[in-house]
Every structure is written in C-alpha cells, then in structure tokens.
C-alpha cells in the first residue's frame, strides 16, 4: 500500500512540475510577443512627427505592425486553443497582458468575439486581468 501511495505522490508531483515548466515556456513565448509588438509600435510617434501620417514611411511602418500582429496572433491563438485564457497567477502580468492586447489588435472582430468567453471565464474565476500590467 505504501508503494502505491508513494508512486501516486511522485506521479502527481511530476505532473505539477511539467505543468509549471509548460507555463514558464508559455510565459516566455507570450512575453516575446509583447516585446516585439511594443518595439515596433515605439517607432510610430517619431515616424509620424518626422514624415507625417500619409507618408510612405508610415505606410511601411503600418505594414510592419500588421505583420507583427499577425505573427503574434498565430502564437496566441495556439496557446488559447490549447490552454484557454491563462491568468496572471499562471503566466504573470506581462504574458497575460500579451494575450489581451494581441486579441485586441486582431483585424478580425470575429476573433475577438471567439476568445471573449475565455477572457470572461478567466475573470469570473478571479484571475487578475491585463490592466495590472499596464499600470
């Protein structure tokens, strides 16, 4: 009986450790999405001031932003479809914020509508939201 109990405890602990490692890897992926999105957006105001809203430079920058958003969206959708909306307690504030902002920046309203129930469910469970990261 002790051997079965010991094996069960070890299996549970291993499972929890693997799960924690998954969340750490997911956190890193989401933080990379947030960092790249923010980096490209930091160029908006300087480019706008220097060249104006209707300039080829702004058109080029907007194209780059949309490309970053699409790449980030593909990454975020993979995570959301597999794990659901991960809260701050699971992946941290910045990664949780990346989930929200990436979906918010999606060009397709249907995607926002598709993932809103996951966000809502996470909020009902008491997960702190993306605003904490923004403050």
N, C-alpha and C. Protein backbone atom coordinates (compact mmCIF):
# COMPACT_ATOMS: atom_id res chain seq x y z
N UNK A 1 0.82 -1.20 0.00
CA UNK A 1 0.00 0.00 0.00
C UNK A 1 0.87 1.26 0.00
N UNK A 2 1.96 1.23 0.78
CA UNK A 2 2.85 2.39 0.83
C UNK A 2 3.47 2.66 -0.54
N UNK A 3 3.82 1.60 -1.27
CA UNK A 3 4.43 1.78 -2.58
C UNK A 3 3.46 2.45 -3.55
N UNK A 4 2.17 2.05 -3.49
CA UNK A 4 1.17 2.65 -4.37
C UNK A 4 0.98 4.13 -4.03
N UNK A 5 0.93 4.44 -2.76
CA UNK A 5 0.78 5.83 -2.33
C UNK A 5 1.98 6.66 -2.75
N UNK A 6 3.17 6.09 -2.55
CA UNK A 6 4.40 6.77 -2.93
C UNK A 6 4.41 7.03 -4.44
N UNK A 7 4.06 6.04 -5.22
CA UNK A 7 4.03 6.19 -6.68
C UNK A 7 3.02 7.25 -7.10
N UNK A 8 1.88 7.28 -6.44
CA UNK A 8 0.86 8.27 -6.76
C UNK A 8 1.36 9.68 -6.45
N UNK A 9 1.99 9.85 -5.31
CA UNK A 9 2.53 11.16 -4.92
C UNK A 9 3.60 11.61 -5.91
N UNK A 10 4.48 10.71 -6.28
CA UNK A 10 5.54 11.04 -7.24
C UNK A 10 4.93 11.42 -8.58
N UNK A 11 3.93 10.69 -9.02
CA UNK A 11 3.29 10.98 -10.31
C UNK A 11 2.63 12.36 -10.28
N UNK A 12 1.96 12.68 -9.20
CA UNK A 12 1.31 14.00 -9.08
C UNK A 12 2.37 15.11 -9.09
N UNK A 13 3.44 14.93 -8.33
CA UNK A 13 4.49 15.94 -8.27
C UNK A 13 5.16 16.13 -9.63
N UNK A 14 5.42 15.05 -10.33
CA UNK A 14 6.00 15.15 -11.67
C UNK A 14 5.05 15.88 -12.62
N UNK A 15 3.79 15.56 -12.52
CA UNK A 15 2.79 16.21 -13.36
C UNK A 15 2.76 17.72 -13.09
N UNK A 16 2.79 18.11 -11.82
CA UNK A 16 2.77 19.52 -11.46
C UNK A 16 4.05 20.22 -11.95
N UNK A 17 5.18 19.56 -11.83
CA UNK A 17 6.43 20.14 -12.29
C UNK A 17 6.42 20.35 -13.80
N UNK A 18 5.91 19.39 -14.54
CA UNK A 18 5.83 19.52 -16.00
C UNK A 18 4.88 20.65 -16.38
N UNK A 19 3.76 20.73 -15.65
CA UNK A 19 2.79 21.78 -15.91
C UNK A 19 3.40 23.16 -15.66
N UNK A 20 4.15 23.29 -14.57
CA UNK A 20 4.80 24.56 -14.25
C UNK A 20 5.82 24.92 -15.33
N UNK A 21 6.54 23.92 -15.84
CA UNK A 21 7.50 24.18 -16.91
C UNK A 21 6.78 24.63 -18.18
N UNK A 22 5.63 24.02 -18.46
CA UNK A 22 4.84 24.45 -19.61
C UNK A 22 4.46 25.92 -19.47
N UNK A 23 4.00 26.31 -18.28
CA UNK A 23 3.60 27.69 -18.06
C UNK A 23 4.79 28.64 -18.17
N UNK A 24 5.96 28.21 -17.73
CA UNK A 24 7.14 29.06 -17.86
C UNK A 24 7.49 29.27 -19.34
N UNK A 25 7.43 28.20 -20.11
CA UNK A 25 7.71 28.31 -21.55
C UNK A 25 6.65 29.18 -22.23
N UNK A 26 5.40 29.02 -21.85
CA UNK A 26 4.33 29.84 -22.41
C UNK A 26 4.52 31.30 -22.03
N UNK A 27 4.88 31.51 -20.77
CA UNK A 27 5.14 32.89 -20.31
C UNK A 27 6.23 33.53 -21.18
N UNK A 28 7.30 32.80 -21.42
CA UNK A 28 8.40 33.33 -22.24
C UNK A 28 7.93 33.64 -23.66
N UNK A 29 7.13 32.74 -24.23
CA UNK A 29 6.62 32.96 -25.59
C UNK A 29 5.74 34.21 -25.64
N UNK A 30 4.84 34.33 -24.66
CA UNK A 30 3.93 35.48 -24.65
C UNK A 30 4.67 36.79 -24.38
N UNK A 31 5.66 36.76 -23.52
CA UNK A 31 6.43 37.97 -23.26
C UNK A 31 7.21 38.39 -24.51
N UNK A 32 7.67 37.43 -25.28
CA UNK A 32 8.35 37.75 -26.54
C UNK A 32 7.38 38.40 -27.52
N UNK A 33 6.15 37.91 -27.56
CA UNK A 33 5.12 38.53 -28.41
C UNK A 33 4.89 39.98 -27.96
N UNK A 34 4.77 40.19 -26.66
CA UNK A 34 4.54 41.54 -26.14
C UNK A 34 5.71 42.46 -26.47
N UNK A 35 6.93 41.96 -26.27
CA UNK A 35 8.12 42.78 -26.51
C UNK A 35 8.25 43.18 -27.97
N UNK A 36 8.02 42.25 -28.88
CA UNK A 36 8.17 42.58 -30.30
C UNK A 36 7.07 43.54 -30.75
N UNK A 37 5.87 43.37 -30.23
CA UNK A 37 4.77 44.27 -30.58
C UNK A 37 5.06 45.69 -30.09
N UNK A 38 5.53 45.77 -28.87
CA UNK A 38 5.84 47.08 -28.29
C UNK A 38 7.02 47.73 -29.01
N UNK A 39 8.02 46.96 -29.37
CA UNK A 39 9.20 47.50 -30.04
C UNK A 39 8.84 48.16 -31.37
N UNK A 40 8.02 47.49 -32.16
CA UNK A 40 7.65 48.06 -33.46
C UNK A 40 6.73 49.27 -33.29
N UNK A 41 5.90 49.26 -32.26
CA UNK A 41 4.99 50.39 -32.03
C UNK A 41 5.71 51.62 -31.48
N UNK A 42 6.87 51.43 -30.90
CA UNK A 42 7.63 52.58 -30.39
C UNK A 42 8.08 53.51 -31.52
N UNK A 43 8.08 53.03 -32.72
CA UNK A 43 8.50 53.84 -33.87
C UNK A 43 7.39 54.72 -34.42
N UNK A 44 6.18 54.53 -33.96
CA UNK A 44 5.04 55.24 -34.55
C UNK A 44 5.16 56.75 -34.38
N UNK A 45 5.28 57.22 -33.15
CA UNK A 45 5.28 58.66 -32.93
C UNK A 45 6.47 59.37 -33.58
N UNK A 46 7.69 58.84 -33.44
CA UNK A 46 8.80 59.51 -34.13
C UNK A 46 8.62 59.55 -35.66
N UNK A 47 8.13 58.46 -36.23
CA UNK A 47 7.91 58.41 -37.68
C UNK A 47 6.80 59.37 -38.08
N UNK A 48 5.76 59.41 -37.29
CA UNK A 48 4.64 60.31 -37.56
C UNK A 48 5.09 61.77 -37.52
N UNK A 49 5.87 62.13 -36.49
CA UNK A 49 6.35 63.52 -36.37
C UNK A 49 7.28 63.90 -37.52
N UNK A 50 8.13 62.96 -37.89
CA UNK A 50 9.15 63.27 -38.90
C UNK A 50 8.59 63.27 -40.33
N UNK A 51 7.68 62.33 -40.61
CA UNK A 51 7.25 62.14 -42.00
C UNK A 51 5.76 62.42 -42.26
N UNK A 52 4.95 62.44 -41.22
CA UNK A 52 3.52 62.68 -41.38
C UNK A 52 2.72 61.40 -41.56
N UNK A 53 1.43 61.51 -41.33
CA UNK A 53 0.54 60.34 -41.34
C UNK A 53 0.39 59.71 -42.71
N UNK A 54 0.46 60.50 -43.75
CA UNK A 54 0.23 59.99 -45.10
C UNK A 54 1.52 59.66 -45.86
N UNK A 55 2.61 59.50 -45.12
CA UNK A 55 3.91 59.27 -45.76
C UNK A 55 4.13 57.79 -46.10
N UNK A 56 4.99 57.53 -47.06
CA UNK A 56 5.36 56.14 -47.36
C UNK A 56 6.01 55.45 -46.15
N UNK A 57 6.71 56.24 -45.33
CA UNK A 57 7.34 55.67 -44.14
C UNK A 57 6.29 55.16 -43.15
N UNK A 58 5.20 55.92 -42.99
CA UNK A 58 4.13 55.46 -42.09
C UNK A 58 3.41 54.25 -42.69
N UNK A 59 3.23 54.25 -44.00
CA UNK A 59 2.62 53.08 -44.64
C UNK A 59 3.47 51.84 -44.40
N UNK A 60 4.77 52.00 -44.54
CA UNK A 60 5.69 50.89 -44.33
C UNK A 60 5.64 50.42 -42.88
N UNK A 61 5.63 51.37 -41.95
CA UNK A 61 5.57 51.02 -40.54
C UNK A 61 4.25 50.31 -40.20
N UNK A 62 3.16 50.80 -40.74
CA UNK A 62 1.86 50.15 -40.50
C UNK A 62 1.86 48.72 -41.05
N UNK A 63 2.49 48.52 -42.18
CA UNK A 63 2.60 47.17 -42.75
C UNK A 63 3.41 46.27 -41.81
N UNK A 64 4.51 46.79 -41.27
CA UNK A 64 5.32 46.02 -40.31
C UNK A 64 4.52 45.69 -39.05
N UNK A 65 3.77 46.66 -38.55
CA UNK A 65 2.96 46.44 -37.35
C UNK A 65 1.94 45.33 -37.61
N UNK A 66 1.29 45.37 -38.76
CA UNK A 66 0.30 44.34 -39.08
C UNK A 66 0.96 42.96 -39.19
N UNK A 67 2.18 42.91 -39.72
CA UNK A 67 2.89 41.64 -39.82
C UNK A 67 3.24 41.10 -38.43
N UNK A 68 3.70 41.98 -37.54
CA UNK A 68 3.99 41.56 -36.17
C UNK A 68 2.71 41.09 -35.47
N UNK A 69 1.62 41.83 -35.69
CA UNK A 69 0.34 41.46 -35.07
C UNK A 69 -0.13 40.09 -35.55
N UNK A 70 0.01 39.82 -36.84
CA UNK A 70 -0.41 38.52 -37.39
C UNK A 70 0.44 37.38 -36.83
N UNK A 71 1.75 37.59 -36.72
CA UNK A 71 2.63 36.56 -36.16
C UNK A 71 2.30 36.33 -34.70
N UNK A 72 2.10 37.41 -33.96
CA UNK A 72 1.74 37.28 -32.55
C UNK A 72 0.39 36.61 -32.37
N UNK A 73 -0.54 36.94 -33.23
CA UNK A 73 -1.87 36.35 -33.17
C UNK A 73 -1.82 34.84 -33.39
N UNK A 74 -1.01 34.40 -34.32
CA UNK A 74 -0.88 32.95 -34.56
C UNK A 74 -0.36 32.25 -33.31
N UNK A 75 0.63 32.86 -32.65
CA UNK A 75 1.20 32.30 -31.43
C UNK A 75 0.16 32.27 -30.30
N UNK A 76 -0.53 33.38 -30.11
CA UNK A 76 -1.52 33.49 -29.04
C UNK A 76 -2.69 32.54 -29.28
N UNK A 77 -3.15 32.43 -30.50
CA UNK A 77 -4.27 31.52 -30.79
C UNK A 77 -3.90 30.08 -30.47
N UNK A 78 -2.67 29.68 -30.78
CA UNK A 78 -2.22 28.33 -30.43
C UNK A 78 -2.33 28.10 -28.93
N UNK A 79 -1.89 29.07 -28.16
CA UNK A 79 -1.91 28.95 -26.70
C UNK A 79 -3.34 28.94 -26.18
N UNK A 80 -4.16 29.88 -26.64
CA UNK A 80 -5.54 29.96 -26.17
C UNK A 80 -6.33 28.70 -26.53
N UNK A 81 -6.11 28.19 -27.72
CA UNK A 81 -6.85 26.99 -28.14
C UNK A 81 -6.44 25.77 -27.34
N UNK A 82 -5.22 25.73 -26.88
CA UNK A 82 -4.75 24.57 -26.11
C UNK A 82 -5.03 24.69 -24.61
N UNK A 83 -4.81 25.90 -24.04
CA UNK A 83 -4.86 26.05 -22.59
C UNK A 83 -6.02 26.90 -22.08
N UNK A 84 -6.69 27.62 -22.97
CA UNK A 84 -7.68 28.58 -22.52
C UNK A 84 -6.98 29.88 -22.14
N UNK A 85 -7.73 30.79 -21.51
CA UNK A 85 -7.17 32.08 -21.13
C UNK A 85 -6.39 31.91 -19.85
N UNK A 86 -5.08 32.08 -19.93
CA UNK A 86 -4.21 31.89 -18.78
C UNK A 86 -4.14 33.17 -17.97
N UNK A 87 -4.36 33.02 -16.67
CA UNK A 87 -4.38 34.18 -15.79
C UNK A 87 -3.00 34.60 -15.32
N UNK A 88 -2.98 35.70 -14.61
CA UNK A 88 -1.74 36.26 -14.07
C UNK A 88 -1.05 35.25 -13.16
N UNK A 89 -1.82 34.51 -12.39
CA UNK A 89 -1.22 33.54 -11.47
C UNK A 89 -0.52 32.41 -12.21
N UNK A 90 -0.88 32.18 -13.45
CA UNK A 90 -0.27 31.11 -14.23
C UNK A 90 0.92 31.58 -15.05
N UNK A 91 0.79 32.73 -15.70
CA UNK A 91 1.85 33.16 -16.62
C UNK A 91 2.42 34.54 -16.31
N UNK A 92 1.91 35.21 -15.32
CA UNK A 92 2.42 36.53 -14.98
C UNK A 92 1.65 37.65 -15.68
N UNK A 93 1.87 38.85 -15.20
CA UNK A 93 1.11 40.01 -15.68
C UNK A 93 1.41 40.36 -17.13
N UNK A 94 2.67 40.39 -17.48
CA UNK A 94 3.04 40.80 -18.84
C UNK A 94 2.52 39.80 -19.87
N UNK A 95 2.67 38.51 -19.60
CA UNK A 95 2.20 37.48 -20.54
C UNK A 95 0.69 37.49 -20.64
N UNK A 96 0.01 37.68 -19.51
CA UNK A 96 -1.44 37.77 -19.51
C UNK A 96 -1.88 38.98 -20.33
N UNK A 97 -1.17 40.08 -20.18
CA UNK A 97 -1.46 41.28 -20.96
C UNK A 97 -1.25 41.06 -22.44
N UNK A 98 -0.24 40.26 -22.78
CA UNK A 98 0.02 39.95 -24.19
C UNK A 98 -1.16 39.21 -24.81
N UNK A 99 -1.77 38.31 -24.04
CA UNK A 99 -2.96 37.62 -24.54
C UNK A 99 -4.03 38.65 -24.93
N UNK A 100 -4.32 39.53 -23.99
CA UNK A 100 -5.38 40.51 -24.22
C UNK A 100 -5.06 41.43 -25.40
N UNK A 101 -3.88 42.03 -25.36
CA UNK A 101 -3.55 43.02 -26.39
C UNK A 101 -3.45 42.41 -27.78
N UNK A 102 -2.96 41.19 -27.86
CA UNK A 102 -2.85 40.55 -29.17
C UNK A 102 -4.23 40.29 -29.76
N UNK A 103 -5.15 39.82 -28.94
CA UNK A 103 -6.52 39.61 -29.41
C UNK A 103 -7.17 40.96 -29.72
N UNK A 104 -6.91 41.95 -28.87
CA UNK A 104 -7.48 43.28 -29.09
C UNK A 104 -7.02 43.88 -30.42
N UNK A 105 -5.77 43.62 -30.81
CA UNK A 105 -5.23 44.16 -32.05
C UNK A 105 -5.59 43.34 -33.28
N UNK A 106 -6.28 42.24 -33.12
CA UNK A 106 -6.67 41.40 -34.26
C UNK A 106 -7.54 42.21 -35.22
N UNK A 107 -7.30 42.02 -36.50
CA UNK A 107 -8.05 42.75 -37.52
C UNK A 107 -9.48 42.23 -37.67
N UNK A 108 -9.71 41.01 -37.24
CA UNK A 108 -10.99 40.34 -37.42
C UNK A 108 -11.81 40.39 -36.13
N UNK A 109 -12.94 41.08 -36.16
CA UNK A 109 -13.81 41.15 -34.99
C UNK A 109 -14.28 39.78 -34.52
N UNK A 110 -14.42 38.85 -35.45
CA UNK A 110 -14.89 37.51 -35.10
C UNK A 110 -13.90 36.83 -34.15
N UNK A 111 -12.62 37.12 -34.31
CA UNK A 111 -11.62 36.54 -33.39
C UNK A 111 -11.81 37.08 -31.98
N UNK A 112 -12.05 38.38 -31.87
CA UNK A 112 -12.30 38.95 -30.53
C UNK A 112 -13.54 38.31 -29.92
N UNK A 113 -14.57 38.16 -30.72
CA UNK A 113 -15.80 37.53 -30.23
C UNK A 113 -15.56 36.07 -29.85
N UNK A 114 -14.72 35.38 -30.61
CA UNK A 114 -14.43 33.97 -30.35
C UNK A 114 -13.73 33.79 -29.00
N UNK A 115 -12.79 34.67 -28.69
CA UNK A 115 -11.98 34.49 -27.49
C UNK A 115 -12.51 35.24 -26.27
N UNK A 116 -13.49 36.12 -26.45
CA UNK A 116 -14.04 36.84 -25.31
C UNK A 116 -14.58 35.92 -24.22
N UNK A 117 -15.31 34.85 -24.56
CA UNK A 117 -15.80 33.98 -23.49
C UNK A 117 -14.68 33.38 -22.63
N UNK A 118 -13.52 33.12 -23.23
CA UNK A 118 -12.39 32.61 -22.43
C UNK A 118 -11.90 33.67 -21.45
N UNK A 119 -11.82 34.91 -21.92
CA UNK A 119 -11.42 36.01 -21.04
C UNK A 119 -12.44 36.19 -19.92
N UNK A 120 -13.69 36.17 -20.29
CA UNK A 120 -14.76 36.35 -19.31
C UNK A 120 -14.73 35.23 -18.26
N UNK A 121 -14.54 34.00 -18.70
CA UNK A 121 -14.47 32.86 -17.78
C UNK A 121 -13.28 33.02 -16.82
N UNK A 122 -12.16 33.45 -17.35
CA UNK A 122 -10.97 33.66 -16.53
C UNK A 122 -11.24 34.74 -15.47
N UNK A 123 -11.90 35.81 -15.88
CA UNK A 123 -12.22 36.90 -14.95
C UNK A 123 -13.18 36.42 -13.85
N UNK A 124 -14.14 35.59 -14.23
CA UNK A 124 -15.09 35.07 -13.25
C UNK A 124 -14.41 34.17 -12.23
N UNK A 125 -13.32 33.53 -12.64
CA UNK A 125 -12.56 32.67 -11.74
C UNK A 125 -11.67 33.49 -10.80
N UNK A 126 -11.66 34.80 -11.02
CA UNK A 126 -10.90 35.67 -10.14
C UNK A 126 -9.50 35.99 -10.62
N UNK A 127 -9.18 35.64 -11.85
CA UNK A 127 -7.86 35.97 -12.38
C UNK A 127 -7.77 37.48 -12.57
N UNK A 128 -6.67 38.04 -12.11
CA UNK A 128 -6.45 39.46 -12.35
C UNK A 128 -6.22 39.65 -13.83
N UNK A 129 -6.67 40.75 -14.34
CA UNK A 129 -6.61 40.97 -15.77
C UNK A 129 -5.40 41.72 -16.25
N UNK A 130 -5.45 42.12 -17.48
CA UNK A 130 -4.32 42.74 -18.17
C UNK A 130 -4.02 44.13 -17.65
N UNK A 131 -4.96 44.82 -17.03
CA UNK A 131 -4.74 46.20 -16.61
C UNK A 131 -3.61 46.33 -15.59
N UNK A 132 -3.39 45.30 -14.80
CA UNK A 132 -2.31 45.34 -13.83
C UNK A 132 -0.98 45.54 -14.53
N UNK A 133 -0.79 44.89 -15.66
CA UNK A 133 0.45 45.00 -16.41
C UNK A 133 0.60 46.41 -16.99
N UNK A 134 -0.49 47.04 -17.35
CA UNK A 134 -0.45 48.34 -17.98
C UNK A 134 -0.12 49.45 -16.99
N UNK A 135 -0.35 49.25 -15.71
CA UNK A 135 -0.17 50.32 -14.72
C UNK A 135 1.25 50.45 -14.25
